[in-house]
Amino acid sequence: MRILIACEYSGIVRDAFSAKNIGHDVWSCDLLPTEKESGFVPDRHFTCDVFSVLDLEWDLMIAFPPCTNLCVSGARWFASKRATGEQQASIEFFMKLAKQQIPKIAIENPVGIMSSHFRKPDQIIQPWQFGHGETKATCLWLKNLPKLTPTNIVEGREQRVWKMAPGPNRWKERSRTFTGIASAMADQWSNF
């Protein structure tokens, strides 16, 4: 299966699928270079606009479109983002991913305005359902994929991501996929 992990610089989801070692051709793509080269197969990251690689015939795309202009945690800035057109551009980016002619698609984003601009998510998951004692409600919009089944429900409901101190890399740390969620995606969607 050819798999594209769109808008992922970290390589976490890409490497979770590659670790399955069942012959998938897995690539990540982001405007940023990957944080690490895959330990499984070298050079499996496109550093470019994701729309420039979507015509390479993918079987599955898991997309993580930027959420800065879409998630409710930034609602206090929505008026200015609407005025500058930033929010509309983010909505259009999300929708362009959702409308791709790829057989299986999962789009991840925090709780936000896409529930009203597109449709309600198929599922909302939490890190504590996948082995991380934290909260971070994460929406999944699915096309031809089953909902994720929790793999390791743990105690603890810390809001670590929300409480992160301001800084130049805060956005990168907040957008990083939890490894337990990445593993669940790879385990449950690899053979579907």
N, C-alpha and C. Protein backbone atom coordinates (compact mmCIF):
# COMPACT_ATOMS: atom_id res chain seq x y z
N MET A 1 0.86 -1.18 0.00
CA MET A 1 0.00 0.00 0.00
C MET A 1 0.90 1.24 0.00
N ARG A 2 0.56 2.22 -0.82
CA ARG A 2 1.29 3.50 -0.85
C ARG A 2 0.58 4.47 0.08
N ILE A 3 1.34 4.98 1.06
CA ILE A 3 0.76 5.79 2.13
C ILE A 3 1.48 7.13 2.18
N LEU A 4 0.69 8.20 2.22
CA LEU A 4 1.22 9.55 2.38
C LEU A 4 0.78 10.11 3.72
N ILE A 5 1.74 10.55 4.51
CA ILE A 5 1.45 11.24 5.76
C ILE A 5 1.66 12.72 5.45
N ALA A 6 0.57 13.43 5.23
CA ALA A 6 0.62 14.81 4.76
C ALA A 6 0.74 15.79 5.92
N CYS A 7 1.56 16.79 5.72
CA CYS A 7 1.76 17.86 6.72
C CYS A 7 2.37 17.30 8.00
N GLU A 8 3.35 16.44 7.86
CA GLU A 8 4.05 15.86 9.01
C GLU A 8 5.55 16.05 8.85
N TYR A 9 6.14 16.85 9.73
CA TYR A 9 7.58 17.05 9.72
C TYR A 9 8.29 16.10 10.69
N SER A 10 7.57 15.61 11.69
CA SER A 10 8.21 14.84 12.77
C SER A 10 8.60 13.43 12.36
N GLY A 11 7.88 12.83 11.44
CA GLY A 11 8.15 11.45 11.04
C GLY A 11 7.53 10.41 11.97
N ILE A 12 6.78 10.82 12.98
CA ILE A 12 6.24 9.89 13.97
C ILE A 12 5.24 8.92 13.35
N VAL A 13 4.28 9.42 12.59
CA VAL A 13 3.28 8.54 11.98
C VAL A 13 3.91 7.75 10.84
N ARG A 14 4.74 8.40 10.04
CA ARG A 14 5.44 7.71 8.95
C ARG A 14 6.20 6.50 9.50
N ASP A 15 6.95 6.71 10.58
CA ASP A 15 7.77 5.63 11.12
C ASP A 15 6.92 4.55 11.78
N ALA A 16 5.76 4.91 12.33
CA ALA A 16 4.87 3.89 12.91
C ALA A 16 4.39 2.93 11.82
N PHE A 17 4.05 3.47 10.65
CA PHE A 17 3.64 2.60 9.54
C PHE A 17 4.82 1.80 9.01
N SER A 18 5.97 2.44 8.87
CA SER A 18 7.16 1.73 8.37
C SER A 18 7.57 0.60 9.31
N ALA A 19 7.37 0.79 10.61
CA ALA A 19 7.75 -0.22 11.60
C ALA A 19 6.92 -1.50 11.46
N LYS A 20 5.76 -1.40 10.83
CA LYS A 20 4.93 -2.59 10.62
C LYS A 20 5.65 -3.59 9.73
N ASN A 21 6.56 -3.09 8.88
CA ASN A 21 7.42 -3.92 8.04
C ASN A 21 6.64 -4.94 7.22
N ILE A 22 5.56 -4.45 6.60
CA ILE A 22 4.76 -5.36 5.77
C ILE A 22 4.69 -4.87 4.32
N GLY A 23 5.73 -4.15 3.93
CA GLY A 23 5.84 -3.78 2.53
C GLY A 23 5.18 -2.49 2.10
N HIS A 24 4.72 -1.69 3.04
CA HIS A 24 4.12 -0.42 2.67
C HIS A 24 5.18 0.55 2.14
N ASP A 25 4.80 1.35 1.19
CA ASP A 25 5.64 2.43 0.66
C ASP A 25 5.14 3.70 1.34
N VAL A 26 5.79 4.12 2.41
CA VAL A 26 5.29 5.19 3.27
C VAL A 26 6.17 6.43 3.16
N TRP A 27 5.51 7.56 2.93
CA TRP A 27 6.21 8.84 2.79
C TRP A 27 5.54 9.88 3.67
N SER A 28 6.33 10.80 4.22
CA SER A 28 5.78 11.99 4.88
C SER A 28 6.07 13.18 3.97
N CYS A 29 5.31 14.24 4.19
CA CYS A 29 5.48 15.45 3.38
C CYS A 29 5.16 16.66 4.23
N ASP A 30 6.00 17.68 4.14
CA ASP A 30 5.76 18.92 4.85
C ASP A 30 6.61 20.01 4.20
N LEU A 31 6.25 21.26 4.45
CA LEU A 31 7.08 22.37 3.98
C LEU A 31 8.42 22.38 4.72
N LEU A 32 8.42 21.83 5.94
CA LEU A 32 9.64 21.74 6.74
C LEU A 32 10.36 20.43 6.45
N PRO A 33 11.67 20.41 6.58
CA PRO A 33 12.37 19.12 6.48
C PRO A 33 11.96 18.23 7.65
N THR A 34 12.08 16.94 7.47
CA THR A 34 11.73 16.02 8.55
C THR A 34 12.71 16.18 9.71
N GLU A 35 12.23 15.96 10.92
CA GLU A 35 13.11 16.05 12.09
C GLU A 35 14.14 14.94 12.10
N LYS A 36 13.77 13.82 11.52
CA LYS A 36 14.70 12.69 11.49
C LYS A 36 14.44 11.88 10.24
N GLU A 37 15.50 11.38 9.69
CA GLU A 37 15.32 10.47 8.57
C GLU A 37 14.78 9.16 9.13
N SER A 38 13.93 8.52 8.39
CA SER A 38 13.34 7.26 8.84
C SER A 38 14.44 6.25 9.09
N GLY A 39 14.37 5.58 10.22
CA GLY A 39 15.32 4.52 10.51
C GLY A 39 15.03 3.27 9.71
N PHE A 40 13.90 3.27 9.01
CA PHE A 40 13.48 2.07 8.30
C PHE A 40 13.88 2.11 6.83
N VAL A 41 13.56 3.20 6.17
CA VAL A 41 13.94 3.38 4.76
C VAL A 41 14.37 4.83 4.61
N PRO A 42 15.60 5.09 4.13
CA PRO A 42 16.07 6.47 4.03
C PRO A 42 15.31 7.27 2.98
N ASP A 43 15.37 8.60 3.13
CA ASP A 43 14.81 9.52 2.15
C ASP A 43 13.33 9.31 1.89
N ARG A 44 12.55 9.18 2.91
CA ARG A 44 11.11 8.97 2.78
C ARG A 44 10.32 10.20 3.20
N HIS A 45 10.84 11.38 2.88
CA HIS A 45 10.17 12.63 3.22
C HIS A 45 10.28 13.60 2.06
N PHE A 46 9.14 14.16 1.66
CA PHE A 46 9.11 15.22 0.66
C PHE A 46 9.10 16.55 1.39
N THR A 47 10.02 17.44 1.08
CA THR A 47 10.01 18.79 1.63
C THR A 47 9.45 19.70 0.55
N CYS A 48 8.14 19.84 0.57
CA CYS A 48 7.46 20.62 -0.47
C CYS A 48 5.99 20.81 -0.09
N ASP A 49 5.29 21.53 -0.93
CA ASP A 49 3.84 21.68 -0.80
C ASP A 49 3.20 20.32 -1.05
N VAL A 50 2.35 19.87 -0.16
CA VAL A 50 1.75 18.55 -0.27
C VAL A 50 0.99 18.37 -1.59
N PHE A 51 0.43 19.43 -2.13
CA PHE A 51 -0.35 19.29 -3.35
C PHE A 51 0.51 18.98 -4.56
N SER A 52 1.81 19.14 -4.45
CA SER A 52 2.70 18.81 -5.56
C SER A 52 3.01 17.30 -5.62
N VAL A 53 2.63 16.54 -4.59
CA VAL A 53 2.89 15.09 -4.60
C VAL A 53 1.60 14.26 -4.56
N LEU A 54 0.46 14.90 -4.54
CA LEU A 54 -0.79 14.15 -4.42
C LEU A 54 -1.16 13.36 -5.67
N ASP A 55 -0.55 13.67 -6.78
CA ASP A 55 -0.86 12.93 -8.01
C ASP A 55 0.00 11.67 -8.17
N LEU A 56 0.70 11.24 -7.13
CA LEU A 56 1.58 10.07 -7.20
C LEU A 56 0.86 8.77 -6.85
N GLU A 57 -0.45 8.76 -6.93
CA GLU A 57 -1.27 7.56 -6.73
C GLU A 57 -1.08 6.91 -5.36
N TRP A 58 -1.69 7.53 -4.37
CA TRP A 58 -1.65 7.04 -3.00
C TRP A 58 -2.88 6.18 -2.72
N ASP A 59 -2.73 5.18 -1.85
CA ASP A 59 -3.85 4.34 -1.41
C ASP A 59 -4.46 4.88 -0.13
N LEU A 60 -3.63 5.52 0.68
CA LEU A 60 -4.06 6.05 1.98
C LEU A 60 -3.32 7.36 2.23
N MET A 61 -4.08 8.36 2.65
CA MET A 61 -3.47 9.62 3.09
C MET A 61 -3.96 9.92 4.50
N ILE A 62 -3.02 10.16 5.38
CA ILE A 62 -3.34 10.66 6.72
C ILE A 62 -2.79 12.07 6.76
N ALA A 63 -3.68 13.05 6.94
CA ALA A 63 -3.29 14.45 6.82
C ALA A 63 -3.45 15.18 8.16
N PHE A 64 -2.50 16.05 8.42
CA PHE A 64 -2.46 16.87 9.63
C PHE A 64 -2.39 18.34 9.22
N PRO A 65 -3.46 18.88 8.61
CA PRO A 65 -3.39 20.27 8.15
C PRO A 65 -3.18 21.23 9.32
N PRO A 66 -2.47 22.33 9.08
CA PRO A 66 -2.25 23.30 10.16
C PRO A 66 -3.57 23.74 10.79
N CYS A 67 -3.58 23.80 12.11
CA CYS A 67 -4.82 24.08 12.83
C CYS A 67 -4.89 25.49 13.41
N THR A 68 -3.83 26.26 13.28
CA THR A 68 -3.74 27.56 13.93
C THR A 68 -4.96 28.45 13.68
N ASN A 69 -5.49 28.43 12.47
CA ASN A 69 -6.62 29.29 12.13
C ASN A 69 -7.96 28.59 12.23
N LEU A 70 -7.95 27.32 12.69
CA LEU A 70 -9.17 26.52 12.69
C LEU A 70 -9.64 26.07 14.08
N CYS A 71 -8.73 25.89 15.02
CA CYS A 71 -9.10 25.27 16.30
C CYS A 71 -9.67 26.29 17.29
N VAL A 72 -10.55 25.81 18.14
CA VAL A 72 -11.25 26.70 19.07
C VAL A 72 -10.32 27.34 20.09
N SER A 73 -9.16 26.74 20.32
CA SER A 73 -8.23 27.36 21.28
C SER A 73 -7.75 28.72 20.78
N GLY A 74 -7.88 28.99 19.49
CA GLY A 74 -7.48 30.28 18.94
C GLY A 74 -8.66 31.17 18.59
N ALA A 75 -9.83 30.87 19.14
CA ALA A 75 -11.05 31.60 18.77
C ALA A 75 -10.95 33.11 19.03
N ARG A 76 -10.20 33.53 20.01
CA ARG A 76 -10.13 34.96 20.30
C ARG A 76 -9.47 35.74 19.17
N TRP A 77 -8.75 35.06 18.27
CA TRP A 77 -8.11 35.73 17.13
C TRP A 77 -8.88 35.52 15.82
N PHE A 78 -10.03 34.86 15.88
CA PHE A 78 -10.77 34.55 14.66
C PHE A 78 -11.16 35.80 13.86
N ALA A 79 -11.58 36.85 14.53
CA ALA A 79 -12.02 38.06 13.81
C ALA A 79 -10.90 38.62 12.95
N SER A 80 -9.70 38.71 13.51
CA SER A 80 -8.59 39.25 12.72
C SER A 80 -8.16 38.28 11.63
N LYS A 81 -8.26 36.97 11.89
CA LYS A 81 -7.89 35.98 10.88
C LYS A 81 -8.90 35.94 9.74
N ARG A 82 -10.16 36.21 10.06
CA ARG A 82 -11.17 36.32 8.99
C ARG A 82 -10.90 37.57 8.16
N ALA A 83 -10.56 38.65 8.82
CA ALA A 83 -10.33 39.92 8.12
C ALA A 83 -9.14 39.84 7.17
N THR A 84 -8.11 39.09 7.55
CA THR A 84 -6.92 38.99 6.70
C THR A 84 -7.04 37.87 5.66
N GLY A 85 -8.07 37.04 5.78
CA GLY A 85 -8.23 35.93 4.85
C GLY A 85 -7.49 34.67 5.26
N GLU A 86 -6.76 34.73 6.38
CA GLU A 86 -6.00 33.56 6.83
C GLU A 86 -6.90 32.38 7.14
N GLN A 87 -8.03 32.66 7.81
CA GLN A 87 -8.91 31.57 8.19
C GLN A 87 -9.52 30.91 6.95
N GLN A 88 -9.96 31.71 5.99
CA GLN A 88 -10.54 31.15 4.78
C GLN A 88 -9.51 30.32 4.02
N ALA A 89 -8.28 30.77 3.97
CA ALA A 89 -7.22 30.00 3.30
C ALA A 89 -7.01 28.65 3.99
N SER A 90 -7.08 28.63 5.32
CA SER A 90 -6.92 27.38 6.07
C SER A 90 -8.09 26.44 5.83
N ILE A 91 -9.29 26.98 5.76
CA ILE A 91 -10.48 26.17 5.46
C ILE A 91 -10.33 25.55 4.07
N GLU A 92 -9.92 26.35 3.10
CA GLU A 92 -9.77 25.85 1.73
C GLU A 92 -8.69 24.79 1.64
N PHE A 93 -7.60 24.95 2.38
CA PHE A 93 -6.53 23.96 2.42
C PHE A 93 -7.07 22.63 2.95
N PHE A 94 -7.77 22.68 4.08
CA PHE A 94 -8.38 21.50 4.68
C PHE A 94 -9.32 20.82 3.69
N MET A 95 -10.19 21.60 3.07
CA MET A 95 -11.18 21.04 2.15
C MET A 95 -10.53 20.44 0.90
N LYS A 96 -9.47 21.03 0.44
CA LYS A 96 -8.77 20.50 -0.72
C LYS A 96 -8.19 19.12 -0.40
N LEU A 97 -7.69 18.94 0.81
CA LEU A 97 -7.22 17.62 1.25
C LEU A 97 -8.39 16.64 1.34
N ALA A 98 -9.50 17.08 1.92
CA ALA A 98 -10.65 16.20 2.11
C ALA A 98 -11.25 15.72 0.80
N LYS A 99 -11.12 16.51 -0.24
CA LYS A 99 -11.74 16.18 -1.53
C LYS A 99 -10.82 15.40 -2.48
N GLN A 100 -9.66 15.00 -2.01
CA GLN A 100 -8.75 14.24 -2.87
C GLN A 100 -9.36 12.90 -3.26
N GLN A 101 -9.01 12.45 -4.46
CA GLN A 101 -9.50 11.17 -4.97
C GLN A 101 -8.57 10.03 -4.55
N ILE A 102 -8.31 9.96 -3.27
CA ILE A 102 -7.49 8.90 -2.68
C ILE A 102 -8.47 7.95 -2.00
N PRO A 103 -8.34 6.63 -2.20
CA PRO A 103 -9.35 5.70 -1.67
C PRO A 103 -9.61 5.79 -0.17
N LYS A 104 -8.55 5.98 0.63
CA LYS A 104 -8.71 6.05 2.09
C LYS A 104 -8.05 7.32 2.59
N ILE A 105 -8.79 8.06 3.39
CA ILE A 105 -8.28 9.33 3.91
C ILE A 105 -8.66 9.47 5.38
N ALA A 106 -7.70 9.95 6.18
CA ALA A 106 -7.96 10.39 7.55
C ALA A 106 -7.38 11.79 7.67
N ILE A 107 -8.20 12.72 8.18
CA ILE A 107 -7.72 14.07 8.43
C ILE A 107 -7.86 14.34 9.92
N GLU A 108 -6.77 14.79 10.52
CA GLU A 108 -6.73 15.05 11.96
C GLU A 108 -6.67 16.55 12.19
N ASN A 109 -7.41 17.02 13.18
CA ASN A 109 -7.37 18.42 13.60
C ASN A 109 -8.01 18.51 14.98
N PRO A 110 -7.62 19.49 15.78
CA PRO A 110 -8.29 19.68 17.07
C PRO A 110 -9.74 20.10 16.87
N VAL A 111 -10.48 20.12 17.96
CA VAL A 111 -11.85 20.61 17.91
C VAL A 111 -11.81 22.04 17.39
N GLY A 112 -12.64 22.32 16.40
CA GLY A 112 -12.60 23.65 15.79
C GLY A 112 -13.75 23.89 14.85
N ILE A 113 -13.53 24.80 13.93
CA ILE A 113 -14.61 25.26 13.07
C ILE A 113 -14.92 24.33 11.90
N MET A 114 -14.09 23.33 11.65
CA MET A 114 -14.37 22.45 10.52
C MET A 114 -15.61 21.59 10.75
N SER A 115 -16.01 21.46 11.99
CA SER A 115 -17.26 20.73 12.28
C SER A 115 -18.47 21.44 11.69
N SER A 116 -18.39 22.74 11.55
CA SER A 116 -19.50 23.48 10.94
C SER A 116 -19.22 23.85 9.48
N HIS A 117 -17.96 24.03 9.12
CA HIS A 117 -17.63 24.38 7.73
C HIS A 117 -17.58 23.16 6.81
N PHE A 118 -17.36 21.99 7.38
CA PHE A 118 -17.29 20.76 6.58
C PHE A 118 -18.38 19.81 7.07
N ARG A 119 -18.10 19.09 8.11
CA ARG A 119 -19.07 18.19 8.74
C ARG A 119 -18.52 17.80 10.10
N LYS A 120 -19.35 17.21 10.91
CA LYS A 120 -18.89 16.72 12.20
C LYS A 120 -17.81 15.66 11.98
N PRO A 121 -16.83 15.58 12.86
CA PRO A 121 -15.82 14.53 12.70
C PRO A 121 -16.44 13.16 12.91
N ASP A 122 -15.83 12.15 12.34
CA ASP A 122 -16.30 10.78 12.54
C ASP A 122 -15.97 10.28 13.93
N GLN A 123 -14.92 10.85 14.52
CA GLN A 123 -14.47 10.38 15.82
C GLN A 123 -13.67 11.48 16.51
N ILE A 124 -13.77 11.52 17.83
CA ILE A 124 -12.91 12.38 18.65
C ILE A 124 -12.17 11.45 19.60
N ILE A 125 -10.84 11.52 19.54
CA ILE A 125 -10.01 10.65 20.38
C ILE A 125 -9.23 11.50 21.38
N GLN A 126 -8.70 10.83 22.38
CA GLN A 126 -7.89 11.46 23.42
C GLN A 126 -6.59 10.66 23.60
N PRO A 127 -5.48 11.32 23.91
CA PRO A 127 -4.22 10.60 24.13
C PRO A 127 -4.33 9.53 25.22
N TRP A 128 -5.14 9.78 26.28
CA TRP A 128 -5.23 8.81 27.37
C TRP A 128 -5.88 7.49 26.93
N GLN A 129 -6.49 7.45 25.76
CA GLN A 129 -7.04 6.21 25.22
C GLN A 129 -5.96 5.35 24.55
N PHE A 130 -4.76 5.94 24.38
CA PHE A 130 -3.69 5.28 23.64
C PHE A 130 -2.36 5.30 24.40
N GLY A 131 -2.45 5.28 25.75
CA GLY A 131 -1.26 5.13 26.58
C GLY A 131 -0.60 6.38 27.09
N HIS A 132 -1.18 7.56 26.86
CA HIS A 132 -0.60 8.82 27.32
C HIS A 132 -1.56 9.46 28.31
N GLY A 133 -1.12 9.74 29.52
CA GLY A 133 -1.98 10.29 30.56
C GLY A 133 -2.28 11.76 30.39
N GLU A 134 -2.76 12.13 29.25
CA GLU A 134 -3.00 13.54 28.94
C GLU A 134 -4.33 13.70 28.20
N THR A 135 -4.80 14.93 28.19
CA THR A 135 -5.99 15.26 27.40
C THR A 135 -5.59 16.15 26.23
N LYS A 136 -6.17 15.89 25.11
CA LYS A 136 -6.06 16.74 23.93
C LYS A 136 -7.07 16.18 22.93
N ALA A 137 -8.29 16.71 23.00
CA ALA A 137 -9.34 16.22 22.11
C ALA A 137 -8.90 16.40 20.66
N THR A 138 -8.92 15.31 19.92
CA THR A 138 -8.44 15.31 18.54
C THR A 138 -9.51 14.71 17.65
N CYS A 139 -9.92 15.48 16.65
CA CYS A 139 -10.96 15.03 15.72
C CYS A 139 -10.35 14.28 14.56
N LEU A 140 -11.07 13.26 14.10
CA LEU A 140 -10.70 12.52 12.91
C LEU A 140 -11.86 12.52 11.92
N TRP A 141 -11.60 12.96 10.71
CA TRP A 141 -12.56 12.86 9.61
C TRP A 141 -12.06 11.72 8.75
N LEU A 142 -12.89 10.70 8.57
CA LEU A 142 -12.46 9.47 7.93
C LEU A 142 -13.21 9.20 6.63
N LYS A 143 -12.48 8.67 5.66
CA LYS A 143 -13.06 8.22 4.39
C LYS A 143 -12.59 6.79 4.17
N ASN A 144 -13.53 5.85 4.20
CA ASN A 144 -13.25 4.42 3.97
C ASN A 144 -12.26 3.83 4.97
N LEU A 145 -12.28 4.36 6.19
CA LEU A 145 -11.46 3.83 7.28
C LEU A 145 -12.33 3.65 8.51
N PRO A 146 -12.04 2.64 9.33
CA PRO A 146 -12.81 2.48 10.57
C PRO A 146 -12.33 3.47 11.63
N LYS A 147 -13.19 3.69 12.61
CA LYS A 147 -12.78 4.49 13.77
C LYS A 147 -11.66 3.75 14.49
N LEU A 148 -10.77 4.52 15.12
CA LEU A 148 -9.71 3.90 15.91
C LEU A 148 -10.29 3.32 17.20
N THR A 149 -9.86 2.14 17.53
CA THR A 149 -10.25 1.51 18.79
C THR A 149 -9.18 1.84 19.81
N PRO A 150 -9.55 2.33 21.01
CA PRO A 150 -8.54 2.60 22.04
C PRO A 150 -7.70 1.37 22.32
N THR A 151 -6.41 1.58 22.54
CA THR A 151 -5.48 0.47 22.72
C THR A 151 -4.94 0.34 24.14
N ASN A 152 -4.94 1.44 24.90
CA ASN A 152 -4.33 1.40 26.23
C ASN A 152 -4.87 2.57 27.04
N ILE A 153 -6.02 2.39 27.64
CA ILE A 153 -6.63 3.46 28.45
C ILE A 153 -5.85 3.56 29.76
N VAL A 154 -5.35 4.77 30.03
CA VAL A 154 -4.52 4.97 31.22
C VAL A 154 -5.13 6.07 32.10
N GLU A 155 -4.68 6.09 33.34
CA GLU A 155 -5.09 7.13 34.27
C GLU A 155 -4.37 8.42 33.94
N GLY A 156 -4.83 9.48 34.50
CA GLY A 156 -4.19 10.78 34.30
C GLY A 156 -4.89 11.57 33.22
N ARG A 157 -5.15 12.80 33.52
CA ARG A 157 -5.85 13.65 32.56
C ARG A 157 -5.21 15.03 32.54
N GLU A 158 -3.88 15.07 32.46
CA GLU A 158 -3.16 16.33 32.45
C GLU A 158 -3.33 17.04 31.12
N GLN A 159 -3.42 18.36 31.17
CA GLN A 159 -3.52 19.16 29.95
C GLN A 159 -2.15 19.74 29.61
N ARG A 160 -1.15 18.89 29.48
CA ARG A 160 0.23 19.32 29.26
C ARG A 160 0.38 20.15 27.98
N VAL A 161 -0.23 19.71 26.91
CA VAL A 161 -0.08 20.41 25.63
C VAL A 161 -0.66 21.82 25.72
N TRP A 162 -1.83 21.94 26.32
CA TRP A 162 -2.49 23.24 26.45
C TRP A 162 -1.70 24.18 27.35
N LYS A 163 -1.02 23.62 28.36
CA LYS A 163 -0.29 24.43 29.34
C LYS A 163 1.14 24.77 28.94
N MET A 164 1.57 24.38 27.78
CA MET A 164 2.95 24.64 27.37
C MET A 164 3.27 26.13 27.43
N ALA A 165 4.46 26.42 27.89
CA ALA A 165 4.90 27.81 27.99
C ALA A 165 5.09 28.41 26.59
N PRO A 166 4.86 29.71 26.45
CA PRO A 166 5.10 30.35 25.15
C PRO A 166 6.57 30.20 24.75
N GLY A 167 6.79 30.20 23.48
CA GLY A 167 8.16 30.10 22.97
C GLY A 167 8.15 29.87 21.48
N PRO A 168 9.31 29.97 20.84
CA PRO A 168 9.37 29.87 19.38
C PRO A 168 9.02 28.49 18.84
N ASN A 169 9.17 27.44 19.65
CA ASN A 169 8.86 26.09 19.17
C ASN A 169 7.59 25.51 19.77
N ARG A 170 6.82 26.33 20.44
CA ARG A 170 5.58 25.84 21.06
C ARG A 170 4.65 25.20 20.04
N TRP A 171 4.49 25.83 18.89
CA TRP A 171 3.59 25.30 17.87
C TRP A 171 4.03 23.92 17.39
N LYS A 172 5.34 23.70 17.30
CA LYS A 172 5.84 22.40 16.86
C LYS A 172 5.55 21.32 17.90
N GLU A 173 5.75 21.66 19.15
CA GLU A 173 5.51 20.68 20.22
C GLU A 173 4.02 20.37 20.36
N ARG A 174 3.19 21.39 20.18
CA ARG A 174 1.74 21.18 20.30
C ARG A 174 1.18 20.36 19.14
N SER A 175 1.83 20.41 18.00
CA SER A 175 1.31 19.70 16.83
C SER A 175 1.84 18.28 16.70
N ARG A 176 2.77 17.90 17.52
CA ARG A 176 3.39 16.57 17.43
C ARG A 176 2.37 15.48 17.78
N THR A 177 2.31 14.43 16.95
CA THR A 177 1.39 13.32 17.17
C THR A 177 1.92 12.44 18.30
N PHE A 178 1.04 12.03 19.18
CA PHE A 178 1.42 11.11 20.26
C PHE A 178 1.76 9.75 19.65
N THR A 179 2.83 9.13 20.13
CA THR A 179 3.28 7.86 19.55
C THR A 179 2.25 6.75 19.69
N GLY A 180 1.48 6.76 20.78
CA GLY A 180 0.43 5.74 20.96
C GLY A 180 -0.66 5.86 19.92
N ILE A 181 -1.01 7.08 19.54
CA ILE A 181 -2.01 7.29 18.49
C ILE A 181 -1.43 6.87 17.14
N ALA A 182 -0.18 7.22 16.88
CA ALA A 182 0.47 6.83 15.62
C ALA A 182 0.52 5.30 15.50
N SER A 183 0.86 4.63 16.57
CA SER A 183 0.91 3.17 16.55
C SER A 183 -0.46 2.56 16.30
N ALA A 184 -1.49 3.14 16.91
CA ALA A 184 -2.85 2.64 16.70
C ALA A 184 -3.26 2.81 15.24
N MET A 185 -2.93 3.95 14.64
CA MET A 185 -3.24 4.17 13.23
C MET A 185 -2.56 3.10 12.38
N ALA A 186 -1.27 2.88 12.64
CA ALA A 186 -0.52 1.88 11.85
C ALA A 186 -1.07 0.48 12.06
N ASP A 187 -1.34 0.11 13.31
CA ASP A 187 -1.85 -1.24 13.59
C ASP A 187 -3.23 -1.47 12.99
N GLN A 188 -4.10 -0.48 13.12
CA GLN A 188 -5.49 -0.69 12.74
C GLN A 188 -5.80 -0.35 11.29
N TRP A 189 -5.00 0.51 10.67
CA TRP A 189 -5.29 0.89 9.28
C TRP A 189 -4.34 0.29 8.26
N SER A 190 -3.28 -0.40 8.70
CA SER A 190 -2.32 -0.96 7.75
C SER A 190 -2.93 -2.02 6.84
N ASN A 191 -3.77 -2.84 7.38
CA ASN A 191 -4.34 -3.96 6.60
C ASN A 191 -5.81 -3.77 6.26
N PHE A 192 -6.33 -2.61 6.55
CA PHE A 192 -7.76 -2.40 6.32
C PHE A 192 -8.01 -2.19 4.84
